[in-house]
Protein backbone atom coordinates (compact mmCIF):
# COMPACT_ATOMS: atom_id res chain seq x y z
CA MET A 1 111.28 88.55 142.36
CA ARG A 2 111.55 90.21 139.00
CA TRP A 3 110.72 93.57 137.76
CA PHE A 4 110.39 93.56 134.03
CA THR A 5 112.21 96.42 132.23
CA GLY A 6 113.18 97.13 128.78
CA ARG A 7 116.18 94.66 129.12
CA THR A 8 114.03 91.69 130.22
CA VAL A 9 111.42 90.00 128.24
CA ASP A 10 107.97 90.01 130.09
CA PRO A 11 106.06 86.91 128.94
CA LEU A 12 102.87 88.60 130.30
CA LYS A 13 103.29 91.72 128.12
CA GLY A 14 100.21 92.47 126.15
CA THR A 15 96.50 92.30 126.40
CA TRP A 16 94.66 89.20 127.70
CA ILE A 17 90.83 88.68 127.64
CA ILE A 18 88.88 86.28 129.79
CA ASP A 19 88.06 83.22 127.92
CA ALA A 20 84.40 83.35 126.96
CA SER A 21 83.94 79.65 127.48
CA ASP A 22 85.12 79.85 131.05
CA GLU A 23 81.66 80.50 132.70
CA ARG A 24 82.90 80.07 136.25
CA ALA A 25 85.52 82.59 135.82
CA ILE A 26 83.11 85.09 134.31
CA ALA A 27 80.65 84.58 136.98
CA ALA A 28 83.39 85.48 139.61
CA PHE A 29 85.33 88.16 137.70
CA GLY A 30 82.95 89.44 135.05
CA GLN A 31 84.00 90.34 131.54
CA VAL A 32 87.67 91.25 132.19
CA GLU A 33 90.52 92.40 130.10
CA LEU A 34 94.14 92.69 131.44
CA THR A 35 96.91 94.70 129.81
CA PHE A 36 100.42 94.22 131.29
CA GLU A 37 103.14 96.75 130.15
CA ARG A 38 106.52 97.49 131.83
CA GLY A 39 105.47 96.79 135.51
CA ARG A 40 102.04 98.42 134.98
CA LEU A 41 98.71 96.51 134.81
CA THR A 42 95.47 98.04 133.51
CA TYR A 43 92.58 95.90 134.82
CA ALA A 44 89.44 96.73 132.81
CA ILE A 45 85.93 95.44 133.69
CA ILE A 46 83.80 95.63 130.63
CA LEU A 47 80.32 96.70 131.42
CA PRO A 48 77.41 97.30 128.89
CA GLU A 49 77.99 100.86 128.33
CA LYS A 50 81.59 101.42 129.48
CA LYS A 51 84.78 99.99 130.66
CA GLN A 52 85.71 100.47 134.39
CA LEU A 53 89.51 100.78 134.53
CA MET A 54 91.93 100.15 137.47
CA SER A 55 95.64 101.11 137.18
CA LEU A 56 97.95 98.90 139.06
CA THR A 57 101.57 98.05 139.33
CA TYR A 58 102.80 94.43 139.13
CA ARG A 59 105.84 92.25 139.38
CA VAL A 60 106.30 88.51 139.14
CA SER A 61 107.66 86.52 142.01
CA GLY A 62 107.93 82.83 141.17
CA GLN A 63 104.59 81.51 140.42
CA PHE A 64 102.85 84.73 141.63
CA ILE A 65 101.86 87.99 140.02
CA GLU A 66 102.06 90.63 142.83
CA THR A 67 99.85 93.77 142.20
CA ASP A 68 99.37 96.94 144.04
CA GLN A 69 97.06 99.84 143.48
CA PRO A 70 99.05 103.01 144.27
CA SER A 71 95.99 105.18 144.94
CA HIS A 72 94.81 102.61 147.46
CA PRO A 73 97.91 100.54 148.50
CA ARG A 74 97.07 96.92 149.36
CA PRO A 75 99.29 94.40 147.65
CA GLU A 76 97.67 91.24 146.33
CA ARG A 77 99.32 88.02 145.24
CA THR A 78 97.78 85.87 142.41
CA ARG A 79 99.07 82.48 141.28
CA PHE A 80 99.44 82.17 137.63
CA ARG A 81 100.40 79.74 134.99
CA LEU A 82 101.27 80.58 131.38
CA GLU A 83 100.84 77.91 128.67
CA GLY A 84 101.33 79.40 125.15
CA ASN A 85 98.55 82.02 124.53
CA THR A 86 96.59 81.01 127.77
CA LEU A 87 97.09 82.68 131.03
CA THR A 88 95.46 80.94 134.09
CA LEU A 89 95.08 83.05 137.05
CA ALA A 90 94.02 81.75 140.71
CA PHE A 91 92.47 84.14 142.97
CA ASP A 92 90.15 83.73 145.88
CA GLY A 93 89.72 80.08 145.17
CA VAL A 94 88.64 80.57 141.54
CA GLU A 95 90.85 79.84 138.47
CA GLY A 96 90.32 81.88 135.33
CA ARG A 97 91.63 81.40 131.98
CA PHE A 98 92.67 84.32 129.84
CA LEU A 99 93.46 84.39 126.16
CA ARG A 100 96.10 86.56 124.55
CA ALA A 101 94.19 89.16 122.41
């Protein structure tokens, strides 16, 4: 299990947007933007007139991103794969592609 600190390079760091050509993922997750920064994840659902934000914590454990929402604790594990500027997440039986913004 790795916590990313200032001393460790976090390959997820930055903002990722759902791949507009990934229709299945958009149908399952909606228009989503993820921002990873020092153990914190901002999960944004982009709606027509606003962004709905969720603040989570995260860490990487092997092939999984483990997240938790401090205001409503319930850890989640999401399998991920990182290939260049593409992040693939597998959650609830759906794989979604995200592109580095």
